[in-house]
Amino acid sequence: MAERRYGLPAPPTESEVRHEDWACDDISGQQHARVAFHDIDLTEVIDQGASFAECVFSDCRFNASAHTDAAFVNCTFTNCSFFDATFTGCKLVGSMFDRCSFGLLKVSGGDWSFVGLPGADLSKSEIVGTRMRECDLTAAKCAAATLRDVDLAGALLHRTDLTRADLRGSDLSTLDPLAATLRDAIIDPVQAVVLAEALGLKVQPLP
């Protein structure tokens, strides 16, 4: 079981929804707080601006769903699937993912700060222009993923697999190049300087 950063407990829920089929529904504008959702099929749902605060999702399917300007704040996702799901401009601050699958996940913009994704398989996922400050990516599998222009300031990247990942434009200031796998990762010149300095090298111009 993945733990929240700083050992904080998940907020308690006050109601629950079980075994419902929301596939292909339009859930735009819905608002839910402290609800436990169990075995809900959200495949191909359309979500414009829905809000979920301190909710729990277990065994739910978000496959091919599209979320725009939605909020899943301080939520917990356990054993959920996000195959080909799209999140555009969404706020997931403080949410935790445990034993979830993310094949072909697409994230554009939004705020995913303090999100817990330890051990998550994000291979080939696409995350662009997203704020992920202090996100927990410990031991996450990000091989061949796109992590472009991502704010990773303070992120936990110990044992993260970034093989062949496109990291250009992202904040790598807290990445220890000796504690992560970076083979064939794509970086820009500014990041090359940051990583060289992290290795204890001094980067100076030619006289």
Protein backbone atom coordinates (compact mmCIF):
# COMPACT_ATOMS: atom_id res chain seq x y z
CA MET A 1 0.00 0.00 0.00
CA ALA A 2 1.46 3.36 -1.04
CA GLU A 3 1.61 5.96 1.71
CA ARG A 4 0.88 9.65 1.48
CA ARG A 5 3.80 11.99 1.79
CA TYR A 6 4.68 12.95 5.36
CA GLY A 7 2.56 10.00 6.57
CA LEU A 8 -0.71 11.92 6.39
CA PRO A 9 -3.80 9.69 6.52
CA ALA A 10 -6.40 9.67 3.76
CA PRO A 11 -9.44 11.81 4.63
CA PRO A 12 -12.44 9.77 5.83
CA THR A 13 -15.37 9.34 3.45
CA GLU A 14 -18.97 10.06 4.43
CA SER A 15 -20.97 8.26 1.71
CA GLU A 16 -20.41 5.65 -0.99
CA VAL A 17 -21.43 4.69 -4.50
CA ARG A 18 -21.03 1.08 -5.65
CA HIS A 19 -21.18 -0.91 -8.90
CA GLU A 20 -22.53 1.79 -11.20
CA ASP A 21 -22.09 2.13 -14.96
CA TRP A 22 -21.22 5.70 -15.95
CA ALA A 23 -19.60 4.68 -19.24
CA CYS A 24 -19.96 7.35 -21.94
CA ASP A 25 -21.85 9.64 -19.54
CA ASP A 26 -21.30 13.39 -19.36
CA ILE A 27 -20.39 14.18 -15.75
CA SER A 28 -19.48 17.82 -16.41
CA GLY A 29 -20.08 20.13 -13.49
CA GLN A 30 -20.80 17.40 -10.95
CA GLN A 31 -19.51 18.02 -7.42
CA HIS A 32 -18.64 15.30 -4.91
CA ALA A 33 -16.91 15.50 -1.55
CA ARG A 34 -15.70 12.63 0.66
CA VAL A 35 -17.48 9.97 -1.38
CA ALA A 36 -16.16 6.42 -1.72
CA PHE A 37 -16.62 5.13 -5.28
CA HIS A 38 -16.29 1.34 -5.67
CA ASP A 39 -16.29 -0.51 -9.00
CA ILE A 40 -17.54 2.41 -11.09
CA ASP A 41 -17.15 2.25 -14.87
CA LEU A 42 -16.15 5.72 -16.09
CA THR A 43 -14.96 4.52 -19.51
CA GLU A 44 -15.19 7.28 -22.12
CA VAL A 45 -16.89 9.74 -19.76
CA ILE A 46 -16.85 13.41 -20.72
CA ASP A 47 -15.88 15.65 -17.83
CA GLN A 48 -15.79 19.43 -18.10
CA GLY A 49 -15.20 21.06 -14.75
CA ALA A 50 -16.38 18.29 -12.40
CA SER A 51 -15.06 18.47 -8.84
CA PHE A 52 -14.13 15.57 -6.56
CA ALA A 53 -12.72 16.53 -3.16
CA GLU A 54 -11.21 14.00 -0.75
CA CYS A 55 -12.92 11.10 -2.53
CA VAL A 56 -11.80 7.49 -2.75
CA PHE A 57 -11.89 5.52 -6.00
CA SER A 58 -11.30 1.76 -5.83
CA ASP A 59 -11.47 -0.69 -8.75
CA CYS A 60 -12.76 2.08 -11.03
CA ARG A 61 -12.16 2.31 -14.78
CA PHE A 62 -11.29 5.69 -16.32
CA ASN A 63 -10.25 4.21 -19.68
CA ALA A 64 -10.46 6.63 -22.64
CA SER A 65 -12.11 9.25 -20.41
CA ALA A 66 -11.57 12.96 -21.12
CA HIS A 67 -11.29 15.45 -18.26
CA THR A 68 -10.94 19.21 -18.82
CA ASP A 69 -10.53 21.81 -16.05
CA ALA A 70 -11.71 19.18 -13.57
CA ALA A 71 -10.53 18.75 -9.97
CA PHE A 72 -9.63 15.58 -8.07
CA VAL A 73 -8.14 17.19 -4.98
CA ASN A 74 -6.67 15.05 -2.20
CA CYS A 75 -8.33 11.93 -3.61
CA THR A 76 -7.19 8.31 -3.34
CA PHE A 77 -7.16 5.97 -6.34
CA THR A 78 -6.63 2.26 -5.66
CA ASN A 79 -6.43 -0.41 -8.37
CA CYS A 80 -7.93 1.92 -10.98
CA SER A 81 -7.20 1.90 -14.72
CA PHE A 82 -6.47 5.02 -16.78
CA PHE A 83 -5.73 3.53 -20.21
CA ASP A 84 -5.75 6.30 -22.83
CA ALA A 85 -7.28 8.76 -20.34
CA THR A 86 -6.76 12.48 -20.95
CA PHE A 87 -6.47 15.22 -18.33
CA THR A 88 -6.32 18.80 -19.63
CA GLY A 89 -5.86 21.68 -17.21
CA CYS A 90 -6.93 19.52 -14.27
CA LYS A 91 -6.09 19.93 -10.60
CA LEU A 92 -5.09 16.76 -8.72
CA VAL A 93 -3.16 18.33 -5.85
CA GLY A 94 -2.45 15.90 -3.02
CA SER A 95 -4.02 12.85 -4.65
CA MET A 96 -2.55 9.36 -4.21
CA PHE A 97 -2.40 6.51 -6.72
CA ASP A 98 -1.86 2.93 -5.54
CA ARG A 99 -1.67 -0.12 -7.85
CA CYS A 100 -3.17 1.80 -10.78
CA SER A 101 -2.46 1.31 -14.50
CA PHE A 102 -1.74 4.26 -16.82
CA GLY A 103 -1.16 2.98 -20.37
CA LEU A 104 -1.03 5.90 -22.85
CA LEU A 105 -2.06 8.44 -20.19
CA LYS A 106 -2.06 12.04 -21.50
CA VAL A 107 -1.76 15.05 -19.19
CA SER A 108 -1.62 18.63 -20.44
CA GLY A 109 -1.18 21.54 -18.07
CA GLY A 110 -2.87 21.54 -14.71
CA ASP A 111 -1.53 21.13 -11.19
CA TRP A 112 -0.44 17.71 -9.94
CA SER A 113 1.66 18.99 -7.04
CA PHE A 114 2.13 16.69 -4.04
CA VAL A 115 0.63 13.78 -6.02
CA GLY A 116 1.76 10.31 -4.96
CA LEU A 117 2.80 8.02 -7.83
CA PRO A 118 5.42 5.78 -6.21
CA GLY A 119 6.17 2.72 -8.34
CA ALA A 120 3.65 3.78 -10.99
CA ASP A 121 4.17 2.48 -14.52
CA LEU A 122 4.00 5.65 -16.62
CA SER A 123 5.88 4.17 -19.57
CA LYS A 124 5.01 5.98 -22.82
CA SER A 125 2.72 8.38 -20.99
CA GLU A 126 2.67 12.00 -22.13
CA ILE A 127 2.82 14.79 -19.54
CA VAL A 128 3.37 18.31 -20.88
CA GLY A 129 3.38 21.71 -19.16
CA THR A 130 2.16 20.31 -15.85
CA ARG A 131 3.00 21.52 -12.36
CA MET A 132 4.22 18.47 -10.38
CA ARG A 133 6.02 20.12 -7.49
CA GLU A 134 7.01 17.69 -4.72
CA CYS A 135 5.33 14.85 -6.60
CA ASP A 136 6.39 11.40 -5.39
CA LEU A 137 7.77 9.45 -8.36
CA THR A 138 9.94 7.13 -6.30
CA ALA A 139 10.74 3.99 -8.34
CA ALA A 140 8.23 5.05 -11.00
CA LYS A 141 8.69 3.52 -14.45
CA CYS A 142 8.81 6.38 -16.95
CA ALA A 143 10.64 4.64 -19.80
CA ALA A 144 9.97 6.33 -23.16
CA ALA A 145 7.59 8.77 -21.44
CA THR A 146 7.27 12.42 -22.43
CA LEU A 147 7.80 14.79 -19.51
CA ARG A 148 8.17 18.11 -21.31
CA ASP A 149 8.14 21.51 -19.57
CA VAL A 150 7.09 19.87 -16.30
CA ASP A 151 7.72 21.65 -12.98
CA LEU A 152 9.35 18.87 -10.95
CA ALA A 153 10.82 21.14 -8.27
CA GLY A 154 11.18 19.14 -5.06
CA ALA A 155 9.92 15.94 -6.70
CA LEU A 156 11.05 12.59 -5.31
CA LEU A 157 12.91 10.86 -8.16
CA HIS A 158 14.91 8.21 -6.33
CA ARG A 159 15.18 5.00 -8.42
CA THR A 160 12.92 6.51 -11.09
CA ASP A 161 13.41 4.87 -14.49
CA LEU A 162 13.71 7.66 -17.07
CA THR A 163 15.21 5.53 -19.83
CA ARG A 164 14.59 7.19 -23.23
CA ALA A 165 12.27 9.74 -21.59
CA ASP A 166 11.94 13.18 -23.16
CA LEU A 167 12.65 15.57 -20.30
CA ARG A 168 13.31 18.77 -22.22
CA GLY A 169 12.22 21.96 -20.52
CA SER A 170 11.46 20.26 -17.18
CA ASP A 171 12.86 21.31 -13.80
CA LEU A 172 15.48 18.67 -12.89
CA SER A 173 17.03 20.63 -10.01
CA THR A 174 16.28 17.90 -7.47
CA LEU A 175 17.21 14.94 -9.69
CA ASP A 176 20.23 12.99 -8.49
CA PRO A 177 21.65 11.51 -11.73
CA LEU A 178 23.28 8.73 -9.73
CA ALA A 179 20.02 7.69 -8.06
CA ALA A 180 17.87 7.39 -11.19
CA THR A 181 18.13 5.56 -14.52
CA LEU A 182 18.77 8.06 -17.31
CA ARG A 183 20.09 5.98 -20.19
CA ASP A 184 19.23 7.61 -23.55
CA ALA A 185 17.01 10.23 -21.89
CA ILE A 186 16.59 13.42 -23.94
CA ILE A 187 17.56 16.67 -22.22
CA ASP A 188 18.29 20.24 -23.33
CA PRO A 189 21.58 22.16 -22.87
CA VAL A 190 20.38 23.96 -19.73
CA GLN A 191 19.46 20.65 -18.11
CA ALA A 192 22.84 19.22 -19.11
CA VAL A 193 24.51 21.93 -17.04
CA VAL A 194 22.20 21.23 -14.08
CA LEU A 195 22.97 17.52 -14.14
CA ALA A 196 26.70 18.11 -14.58
CA GLU A 197 26.72 20.35 -11.53
CA ALA A 198 24.72 17.73 -9.61
CA LEU A 199 27.60 15.36 -10.32
CA GLY A 200 30.02 17.82 -8.77
CA LEU A 201 31.41 19.17 -12.05
CA LYS A 202 32.14 22.84 -12.63
CA VAL A 203 30.73 24.15 -15.91
CA GLN A 204 32.67 27.15 -17.20
CA PRO A 205 32.96 28.83 -20.60
CA LEU A 206 36.15 28.55 -22.60
CA PRO A 207 38.63 31.37 -21.91
